[in-house]
Amino acid sequence: MFGPFRYAFEVVVRKGDLRITDARGETRQFGDGTGEACAVRVTDRWTELKIAIDPWLAIGEAYMDGRLVVEEGDLYRFIDILLRNAEEVPLPRWTWLLDILRWLIRRVDQFNPIARARRNASAHYDIQPEIYRLFLDSDQQYSCAYFSAPNVDLDTAQLEKKRHLAAKLLISARDRVLDIGCGWGGLCIYLARMSGADVTGITLSREQLKIARNGAQEVPQPDRVTFRLEDYRETKGQFDKIVSVGMFEHVGVHHYRTFFRRLSGLLKRDGVALLHTIGRAPGPAPTNPFIKRYIFPGGSLPALSEVLPQIEASGLVVCDIEILRLHYAETLRRWRARFCDRWDEAVRLKGEKFCRMWEFYLAGSEASFRYQGLVVFQIQLAHSQTAVPLTRDYIGEEEARLAQCERFGRKRKSADSREERKRTARRG
């Protein structure tokens, strides 16, 4: 077995039961033999060299191209063994050179002026919409769900996510609401239905825009929901409430200050904004090279140490930060299972290579949330400290009210009670 290739696995894989067969047919066992067994085969020596030099990119490419074949267990089990061990044991030192280079060019990779941001969004979101319908929930929420209990199904967890976001926004029927990066429009439609507010969603994806506009026709008052093909830097006006879910990862570290200054300018003085984004608990780091090249070009996962100084510079006040830890791992587990269950349909739509790429993306992302410190930040922002109540009790109370509205299939007016809570907060 090629020396550096064998050594890399010997250094990292201390726990678990992993067998690797190389291009010459030689098989070696790595780990302590505990847990479920996994066996993979590498088909050529060039792939062995690439994996030894740049494992986080080369393993994904090899699986995508069929040059790394899982023979026992499944892809997730293989990635799970690698990342569970890498959480405690660093990769061989020669791989650090590429990490340093990626860190140095990070800002160049994430430079996203409007034209480039449109191209990056189109690369991921303007593929056949049927692909997303294979694995997302019925409302096509393509972001972290919220699991109030371990065995909650995906549709319920995504509904609970929308409810959780709405509760933190404290929307009334008189409000103008902006959703930055609205996806296929599900959250906008939910907010309009539950509150009666005027909701505007903006996206850079033409495919998302078409689906969102079609969905808006199902709202009792369709004119209350507007969708536009628009970058956040192009948006005009002022809004009582602003929400952004799963979009900030596309902003790029170079543009964080611009984003929060635009948010500050768009938000009314007594308004509330909520940012929901994947983030890094351990601190700043370059984007995973496989994800950057094949899944989310121009993407970046922020650390709080990068975000909070830019919020402070914008003049906004942080009212609340909630960190969702394993919720996204559970979301991705369900997405991956649903995608694999409909593998043949996906292959007919996009081909075998795309499907292997997508499976690696879903499996690798899930393991990253379990072992590499990825989390979800929900950061509540305002201009004034009195924009939200003094304690977090209102969130649970509002969720209970919204759940009751959902059961009855109608909204309930609660503007008076919200105004009373605001007056109480000001008196405090």
Protein backbone atom coordinates (compact mmCIF):
# COMPACT_ATOMS: atom_id res chain seq x y z
CA MET A 1 0.00 0.00 0.00
CA PHE A 2 1.32 3.45 -0.99
CA GLY A 3 3.24 4.77 2.03
CA PRO A 4 1.79 8.30 2.56
CA PHE A 5 -1.72 6.99 1.84
CA ARG A 6 -1.37 4.23 4.44
CA TYR A 7 0.31 6.57 6.94
CA ALA A 8 -2.46 9.18 6.70
CA PHE A 9 -5.09 6.63 7.74
CA GLU A 10 -2.83 5.12 10.40
CA VAL A 11 -2.34 8.56 11.98
CA VAL A 12 -5.99 9.58 11.94
CA VAL A 13 -8.08 6.43 12.36
CA ARG A 14 -7.49 5.27 15.93
CA LYS A 15 -11.07 4.18 16.71
CA GLY A 16 -13.58 2.20 14.67
CA ASP A 17 -13.29 -0.61 12.16
CA LEU A 18 -12.20 0.57 8.71
CA ARG A 19 -10.77 -1.66 5.96
CA ILE A 20 -9.23 -0.14 2.85
CA THR A 21 -8.28 -2.05 -0.28
CA ASP A 22 -5.80 -0.26 -2.53
CA ALA A 23 -5.40 -0.30 -6.30
CA ARG A 24 -3.15 -3.38 -6.12
CA GLY A 25 -5.69 -5.38 -4.14
CA GLU A 26 -3.92 -5.13 -0.77
CA THR A 27 -6.30 -4.72 2.18
CA ARG A 28 -5.42 -3.14 5.53
CA GLN A 29 -7.49 -2.63 8.65
CA PHE A 30 -7.42 0.72 10.50
CA GLY A 31 -8.76 1.55 13.95
CA ASP A 32 -9.31 -0.53 17.06
CA GLY A 33 -11.95 -2.81 15.54
CA THR A 34 -14.85 -1.35 17.53
CA GLY A 35 -18.22 -0.38 16.12
CA GLU A 36 -19.80 -1.26 12.81
CA ALA A 37 -17.36 -2.31 10.11
CA CYS A 38 -16.81 -0.28 6.96
CA ALA A 39 -14.81 -1.32 3.91
CA VAL A 40 -13.82 0.83 0.92
CA ARG A 41 -11.74 0.23 -2.20
CA VAL A 42 -9.63 2.73 -4.14
CA THR A 43 -9.38 1.90 -7.83
CA ASP A 44 -6.10 3.60 -8.88
CA ARG A 45 -2.80 4.76 -7.41
CA TRP A 46 -3.23 8.36 -8.57
CA THR A 47 -6.31 8.60 -6.35
CA GLU A 48 -4.29 7.23 -3.41
CA LEU A 49 -1.76 10.04 -3.88
CA LYS A 50 -4.43 12.73 -4.13
CA ILE A 51 -6.18 11.48 -0.98
CA ALA A 52 -2.89 11.47 0.93
CA ILE A 53 -2.13 15.08 -0.09
CA ASP A 54 -5.59 16.68 0.06
CA PRO A 55 -8.06 14.30 1.76
CA TRP A 56 -10.99 16.70 2.28
CA LEU A 57 -11.23 17.42 -1.43
CA ALA A 58 -9.91 14.19 -2.96
CA ILE A 59 -12.10 11.75 -1.01
CA GLY A 60 -15.26 13.51 -2.21
CA GLU A 61 -14.04 13.70 -5.79
CA ALA A 62 -13.02 10.03 -5.78
CA TYR A 63 -16.44 8.95 -4.50
CA MET A 64 -18.19 11.19 -6.99
CA ASP A 65 -16.20 9.76 -9.91
CA GLY A 66 -16.51 6.12 -8.79
CA ARG A 67 -12.79 5.82 -7.96
CA LEU A 68 -13.58 5.22 -4.28
CA VAL A 69 -16.10 2.42 -3.82
CA VAL A 70 -17.86 1.57 -0.56
CA GLU A 71 -18.01 -2.24 -0.31
CA GLU A 72 -19.31 -2.69 3.25
CA GLY A 73 -21.40 -0.26 5.22
CA ASP A 74 -22.30 2.99 3.50
CA LEU A 75 -20.78 6.35 2.67
CA TYR A 76 -21.93 7.98 5.89
CA ARG A 77 -20.32 5.27 8.02
CA PHE A 78 -17.00 5.86 6.21
CA ILE A 79 -17.17 9.65 6.71
CA ASP A 80 -18.33 9.19 10.29
CA ILE A 81 -15.24 7.12 11.14
CA LEU A 82 -12.94 9.70 9.54
CA LEU A 83 -14.45 12.81 11.15
CA ARG A 84 -15.03 11.20 14.54
CA ASN A 85 -11.30 10.45 14.66
CA ALA A 86 -10.21 13.74 13.07
CA GLU A 87 -12.05 15.55 15.88
CA GLU A 88 -9.28 14.33 18.24
CA VAL A 89 -6.29 13.63 15.96
CA PRO A 90 -4.90 16.18 13.44
CA LEU A 91 -4.19 15.22 9.86
CA PRO A 92 -0.56 14.65 8.79
CA ARG A 93 1.42 17.88 8.78
CA TRP A 94 1.95 17.94 5.03
CA THR A 95 -1.78 18.57 4.54
CA TRP A 96 -1.51 21.78 6.57
CA LEU A 97 0.16 23.61 3.68
CA LEU A 98 -3.03 23.47 1.64
CA ASP A 99 -5.05 24.63 4.66
CA ILE A 100 -2.75 27.64 5.04
CA LEU A 101 -3.07 28.47 1.34
CA ARG A 102 -6.87 28.21 1.51
CA TRP A 103 -6.87 30.52 4.51
CA LEU A 104 -4.73 33.08 2.67
CA ILE A 105 -7.00 33.17 -0.42
CA ARG A 106 -10.21 32.98 1.59
CA ARG A 107 -11.23 36.59 1.03
CA VAL A 108 -10.58 36.32 -2.70
CA ASP A 109 -12.77 33.20 -2.95
CA GLN A 110 -15.57 34.94 -1.04
CA PHE A 111 -15.50 38.26 -2.87
CA ASN A 112 -19.14 38.42 -3.96
CA PRO A 113 -20.16 41.57 -5.81
CA ILE A 114 -23.73 41.47 -7.06
CA ALA A 115 -22.99 39.89 -10.46
CA ARG A 116 -20.87 37.13 -8.93
CA ALA A 117 -23.40 36.54 -6.16
CA ARG A 118 -26.07 35.95 -8.83
CA ARG A 119 -23.86 33.42 -10.64
CA ASN A 120 -23.07 31.61 -7.39
CA ALA A 121 -26.74 31.40 -6.43
CA SER A 122 -27.71 30.17 -9.87
CA ALA A 123 -25.06 27.43 -9.77
CA HIS A 124 -26.75 25.76 -6.81
CA TYR A 125 -30.40 26.77 -6.87
CA ASP A 126 -31.23 26.97 -10.58
CA ILE A 127 -30.88 23.24 -11.24
CA GLN A 128 -34.01 21.17 -11.87
CA PRO A 129 -36.42 21.96 -9.02
CA GLU A 130 -37.49 18.30 -8.99
CA ILE A 131 -34.17 17.42 -7.32
CA TYR A 132 -35.08 19.40 -4.23
CA ARG A 133 -38.57 17.92 -4.11
CA LEU A 134 -37.00 14.48 -3.75
CA PHE A 135 -35.67 15.14 -0.26
CA LEU A 136 -37.06 18.37 1.21
CA ASP A 137 -40.26 18.66 3.22
CA SER A 138 -43.55 19.51 1.55
CA ASP A 139 -42.91 23.25 2.03
CA GLN A 140 -39.37 23.01 0.58
CA GLN A 141 -37.55 24.46 3.55
CA TYR A 142 -33.87 24.20 2.61
CA SER A 143 -32.41 25.14 5.99
CA CYS A 144 -32.04 23.75 9.49
CA ALA A 145 -35.25 22.37 10.98
CA TYR A 146 -36.13 22.74 14.67
CA PHE A 147 -36.59 19.49 16.58
CA SER A 148 -38.59 19.83 19.77
CA ALA A 149 -38.21 16.06 20.28
CA PRO A 150 -35.78 13.49 18.80
CA ASN A 151 -38.32 11.54 16.74
CA VAL A 152 -40.17 14.45 15.16
CA ASP A 153 -40.68 13.97 11.41
CA LEU A 154 -39.15 16.41 8.93
CA ASP A 155 -42.36 18.24 7.97
CA THR A 156 -43.24 18.85 11.62
CA ALA A 157 -39.71 20.00 12.47
CA GLN A 158 -39.67 22.47 9.58
CA LEU A 159 -43.05 23.83 10.66
CA GLU A 160 -41.67 24.22 14.17
CA LYS A 161 -38.69 26.11 12.71
CA LYS A 162 -40.99 28.60 10.97
CA ARG A 163 -43.03 28.95 14.14
CA HIS A 164 -39.86 29.55 16.20
CA LEU A 165 -38.66 32.25 13.81
CA ALA A 166 -42.07 33.93 13.70
CA ALA A 167 -42.26 33.98 17.49
CA LYS A 168 -38.94 35.81 17.75
CA LEU A 169 -39.99 38.39 15.14
CA LEU A 170 -43.18 39.43 16.98
CA ILE A 171 -45.00 40.27 13.75
CA SER A 172 -48.30 42.14 13.77
CA ALA A 173 -50.81 42.67 10.96
CA ARG A 174 -49.61 46.26 10.54
CA ASP A 175 -46.01 45.28 9.81
CA ARG A 176 -43.98 45.33 6.62
CA VAL A 177 -41.71 42.27 6.62
CA LEU A 178 -38.63 41.53 4.51
CA ASP A 179 -37.17 38.04 3.98
CA ILE A 180 -33.61 38.27 2.62
CA GLY A 181 -32.90 35.08 0.70
CA CYS A 182 -36.45 33.76 0.73
CA GLY A 183 -35.80 30.43 -1.01
CA TRP A 184 -38.95 28.91 -2.45
CA GLY A 185 -41.10 31.27 -0.39
CA GLY A 186 -42.44 28.97 2.32
CA LEU A 187 -41.47 31.16 5.28
CA CYS A 188 -42.88 34.31 3.65
CA ILE A 189 -46.19 32.59 2.98
CA TYR A 190 -46.31 31.24 6.54
CA LEU A 191 -45.66 34.69 8.05
CA ALA A 192 -48.33 36.30 5.87
CA ARG A 193 -50.89 33.63 6.77
CA MET A 194 -50.20 33.73 10.49
CA SER A 195 -49.99 37.51 10.92
CA GLY A 196 -51.73 39.20 7.99
CA ALA A 197 -48.63 41.36 7.49
CA ASP A 198 -47.26 42.53 4.14
CA VAL A 199 -44.28 40.26 3.37
CA THR A 200 -41.62 40.75 0.71
CA GLY A 201 -39.15 38.00 -0.19
CA ILE A 202 -36.01 38.53 -2.26
CA THR A 203 -33.90 35.86 -3.95
CA LEU A 204 -31.16 35.62 -6.58
CA SER A 205 -32.53 32.37 -8.05
CA ARG A 206 -34.93 32.54 -10.98
CA GLU A 207 -36.17 29.00 -10.30
CA GLN A 208 -36.92 29.84 -6.68
CA LEU A 209 -38.66 33.03 -7.73
CA LYS A 210 -41.04 31.19 -10.08
CA ILE A 211 -42.02 28.63 -7.45
CA ALA A 212 -42.40 31.27 -4.74
CA ARG A 213 -44.70 33.41 -6.88
CA ASN A 214 -46.86 30.40 -7.70
CA GLY A 215 -47.10 29.55 -4.01
CA ALA A 216 -48.17 33.09 -3.13
CA GLN A 217 -51.38 32.58 -5.09
CA GLU A 218 -52.54 30.18 -2.38
CA VAL A 219 -52.50 32.89 0.31
CA PRO A 220 -55.99 34.24 1.15
CA GLN A 221 -54.77 37.73 0.19
CA PRO A 222 -52.06 37.13 -2.45
CA ASP A 223 -51.24 40.83 -2.74
CA ARG A 224 -49.82 40.69 0.78
CA VAL A 225 -46.89 38.52 -0.41
CA THR A 226 -44.40 39.86 -2.96
CA PHE A 227 -41.34 38.11 -4.35
CA ARG A 228 -38.53 39.84 -6.22
CA LEU A 229 -35.31 38.84 -8.00
CA GLU A 230 -33.07 41.14 -6.04
CA ASP A 231 -29.79 41.35 -4.12
CA TYR A 232 -29.98 42.69 -0.56
CA ARG A 233 -27.73 45.57 -1.67
CA GLU A 234 -30.41 46.66 -4.14
CA THR A 235 -33.38 46.63 -1.73
CA LYS A 236 -35.02 49.97 -0.94
CA GLY A 237 -37.44 51.12 1.76
CA GLN A 238 -37.86 50.39 5.45
CA PHE A 239 -39.35 47.39 7.19
CA ASP A 240 -40.74 46.66 10.63
CA LYS A 241 -39.35 43.12 10.66
CA ILE A 242 -36.51 41.52 8.70
CA VAL A 243 -35.60 37.84 8.63
CA SER A 244 -32.83 36.03 6.79
CA VAL A 245 -32.59 32.23 6.90
CA GLY A 246 -29.73 30.29 5.30
CA MET A 247 -28.62 33.21 3.13
CA PHE A 248 -25.82 34.76 5.19
CA GLU A 249 -23.58 31.78 4.34
CA HIS A 250 -23.49 33.18 0.77
CA VAL A 251 -22.53 36.74 1.74
CA GLY A 252 -18.77 36.18 2.07
CA VAL A 253 -16.56 37.43 4.87
CA HIS A 254 -15.49 40.38 2.72
CA HIS A 255 -19.09 41.69 2.75
CA TYR A 256 -20.20 41.18 6.37
CA ARG A 257 -19.94 44.87 7.21
CA THR A 258 -21.94 45.83 4.10
CA PHE A 259 -24.64 43.28 4.97
CA PHE A 260 -25.21 44.58 8.49
CA ARG A 261 -25.10 48.21 7.42
CA ARG A 262 -27.77 47.47 4.83
CA LEU A 263 -29.77 45.59 7.46
CA SER A 264 -29.50 48.57 9.78
CA GLY A 265 -30.67 50.96 7.07
CA LEU A 266 -33.62 48.80 6.05
CA LEU A 267 -34.86 48.19 9.61
CA LYS A 268 -37.13 50.76 11.25
CA ARG A 269 -36.01 52.29 14.54
CA ASP A 270 -38.44 50.15 16.56
CA GLY A 271 -38.10 47.08 14.33
CA VAL A 272 -36.74 43.57 14.94
CA ALA A 273 -34.45 41.52 12.68
CA LEU A 274 -33.51 37.85 12.92
CA LEU A 275 -30.50 36.23 11.29
CA HIS A 276 -30.46 32.41 11.03
CA THR A 277 -27.15 31.11 9.70
CA ILE A 278 -24.82 28.13 9.85
CA GLY A 279 -21.73 29.05 11.84
CA ARG A 280 -18.51 27.74 13.32
CA ALA A 281 -18.32 27.26 17.08
CA PRO A 282 -14.51 26.72 17.16
CA GLY A 283 -13.71 29.95 15.28
CA PRO A 284 -12.95 31.13 11.73
CA ALA A 285 -11.76 28.63 9.13
CA PRO A 286 -11.71 28.31 5.33
CA THR A 287 -14.65 26.69 3.56
CA ASN A 288 -14.45 22.93 3.02
CA PRO A 289 -12.80 22.58 -0.43
CA PHE A 290 -15.30 20.04 -1.77
CA ILE A 291 -18.26 22.20 -0.74
CA LYS A 292 -16.60 25.31 -2.20
CA ARG A 293 -15.84 23.70 -5.56
CA TYR A 294 -18.95 21.60 -6.18
CA ILE A 295 -21.81 22.75 -3.95
CA PHE A 296 -21.68 26.37 -2.74
CA PRO A 297 -19.20 28.50 -4.71
CA GLY A 298 -18.38 31.71 -2.87
CA GLY A 299 -19.82 30.38 0.39
CA SER A 300 -18.50 31.04 3.89
CA LEU A 301 -19.54 29.84 7.35
CA PRO A 302 -19.01 32.61 9.91
CA ALA A 303 -17.78 32.46 13.47
CA LEU A 304 -19.38 34.75 16.06
CA SER A 305 -16.00 36.46 16.43
CA GLU A 306 -16.31 37.57 12.79
CA VAL A 307 -19.98 38.54 12.93
CA LEU A 308 -20.37 40.44 16.21
CA PRO A 309 -17.81 43.19 15.47
CA GLN A 310 -19.61 43.93 12.20
CA ILE A 311 -22.96 44.09 13.99
CA GLU A 312 -21.47 46.53 16.51
CA ALA A 313 -20.09 48.69 13.67
CA SER A 314 -23.55 48.85 12.07
CA GLY A 315 -25.16 50.37 15.15
CA LEU A 316 -27.52 47.44 15.71
CA VAL A 317 -28.06 45.91 19.15
CA VAL A 318 -27.90 42.15 19.74
CA CYS A 319 -31.05 41.26 21.69
CA ASP A 320 -30.68 37.48 21.73
CA ILE A 321 -28.44 34.70 20.43
CA GLU A 322 -29.61 31.10 20.32
CA ILE A 323 -27.30 28.32 19.18
CA LEU A 324 -28.91 25.26 17.62
CA ARG A 325 -26.31 22.50 17.93
CA LEU A 326 -27.37 19.16 16.47
CA HIS A 327 -30.61 20.28 14.85
CA TYR A 328 -28.96 20.55 11.45
CA ALA A 329 -27.31 17.15 11.79
CA GLU A 330 -30.77 15.66 12.31
CA THR A 331 -32.14 17.66 9.37
CA LEU A 332 -29.38 16.42 7.07
CA ARG A 333 -29.83 12.83 8.24
CA ARG A 334 -33.43 12.96 7.11
CA TRP A 335 -32.58 14.70 3.84
CA ARG A 336 -29.95 12.09 3.03
CA ALA A 337 -32.29 9.19 3.81
CA ARG A 338 -35.04 10.65 1.63
CA PHE A 339 -32.61 11.36 -1.21
CA CYS A 340 -31.18 7.83 -1.14
CA ASP A 341 -34.68 6.34 -0.99
CA ARG A 342 -35.41 8.08 -4.31
CA TRP A 343 -32.00 7.48 -5.85
CA ASP A 344 -33.30 6.08 -9.13
CA GLU A 345 -35.47 9.14 -9.71
CA ALA A 346 -32.50 11.40 -8.99
CA VAL A 347 -30.31 9.47 -11.42
CA ARG A 348 -32.92 9.88 -14.15
CA LEU A 349 -32.96 13.62 -13.50
CA LYS A 350 -29.25 14.38 -13.12
CA GLY A 351 -27.16 11.26 -13.65
CA GLU A 352 -25.15 8.96 -11.38
CA LYS A 353 -22.18 11.30 -10.89
CA PHE A 354 -24.38 14.16 -9.68
CA CYS A 355 -26.16 11.83 -7.26
CA ARG A 356 -22.89 10.59 -5.76
CA MET A 357 -21.75 14.21 -5.42
CA TRP A 358 -25.01 15.15 -3.69
CA GLU A 359 -24.87 12.15 -1.37
CA PHE A 360 -21.33 13.08 -0.34
CA TYR A 361 -22.45 16.67 0.29
CA LEU A 362 -25.33 15.56 2.52
CA ALA A 363 -23.36 12.86 4.36
CA GLY A 364 -20.28 15.03 4.85
CA SER A 365 -22.33 17.98 6.05
CA GLU A 366 -24.17 15.85 8.59
CA ALA A 367 -20.92 14.48 10.01
CA SER A 368 -19.45 18.00 10.12
CA PHE A 369 -22.31 19.15 12.35
CA ARG A 370 -21.70 16.18 14.63
CA TYR A 371 -17.90 16.34 14.87
CA GLN A 372 -16.45 19.57 13.47
CA GLY A 373 -18.18 22.25 15.50
CA LEU A 374 -20.72 23.45 12.95
CA VAL A 375 -23.85 24.91 14.54
CA VAL A 376 -26.67 27.30 13.65
CA PHE A 377 -26.77 30.82 15.07
CA GLN A 378 -30.07 32.66 15.47
CA ILE A 379 -29.14 36.28 16.20
CA GLN A 380 -31.94 38.68 17.06
CA LEU A 381 -31.14 42.33 16.26
CA ALA A 382 -32.74 45.73 16.78
CA HIS A 383 -31.89 49.41 17.00
CA SER A 384 -33.38 49.66 20.48
CA GLN A 385 -33.03 47.46 23.56
CA THR A 386 -36.76 47.91 24.17
CA ALA A 387 -37.79 46.38 20.83
CA VAL A 388 -38.45 42.98 22.45
CA PRO A 389 -39.69 41.95 25.92
CA LEU A 390 -37.31 41.69 28.88
CA THR A 391 -37.33 37.89 29.13
CA ARG A 392 -37.50 35.07 26.59
CA ASP A 393 -40.85 33.85 27.93
CA TYR A 394 -42.64 35.55 25.05
CA ILE A 395 -41.09 33.10 22.56
CA GLY A 396 -42.80 30.07 24.06
CA GLU A 397 -46.04 31.97 24.53
CA GLU A 398 -46.05 33.10 20.90
CA GLU A 399 -45.19 29.61 19.65
CA ALA A 400 -48.15 28.21 21.57
CA ARG A 401 -50.43 30.87 20.06
CA LEU A 402 -49.14 30.17 16.55
CA ALA A 403 -49.57 26.42 17.00
CA GLN A 404 -53.19 26.99 17.94
CA CYS A 405 -53.68 29.21 14.89
CA GLU A 406 -52.22 26.49 12.67
CA ARG A 407 -54.63 23.92 14.08
CA PHE A 408 -57.60 26.18 13.42
CA GLY A 409 -56.27 27.15 9.99
CA ARG A 410 -56.50 30.88 10.59
CA LYS A 411 -54.59 33.74 12.10
CA ARG A 412 -55.51 35.36 15.37
CA LYS A 413 -55.00 39.00 16.08
CA SER A 414 -52.45 39.62 18.76
CA ALA A 415 -51.20 43.12 18.00
CA ASP A 416 -52.71 44.51 21.20
CA SER A 417 -50.97 41.93 23.39
CA ARG A 418 -47.67 42.53 21.60
CA GLU A 419 -47.97 46.28 22.11
CA GLU A 420 -48.64 45.66 25.78
CA ARG A 421 -45.50 43.51 26.03
CA LYS A 422 -43.50 46.30 24.39
CA ARG A 423 -44.85 48.86 26.83
CA THR A 424 -43.97 46.53 29.70
CA ALA A 425 -40.44 46.16 28.32
CA ARG A 426 -40.05 49.94 28.09
CA ARG A 427 -41.29 50.41 31.65
CA GLY A 428 -38.69 47.82 32.71
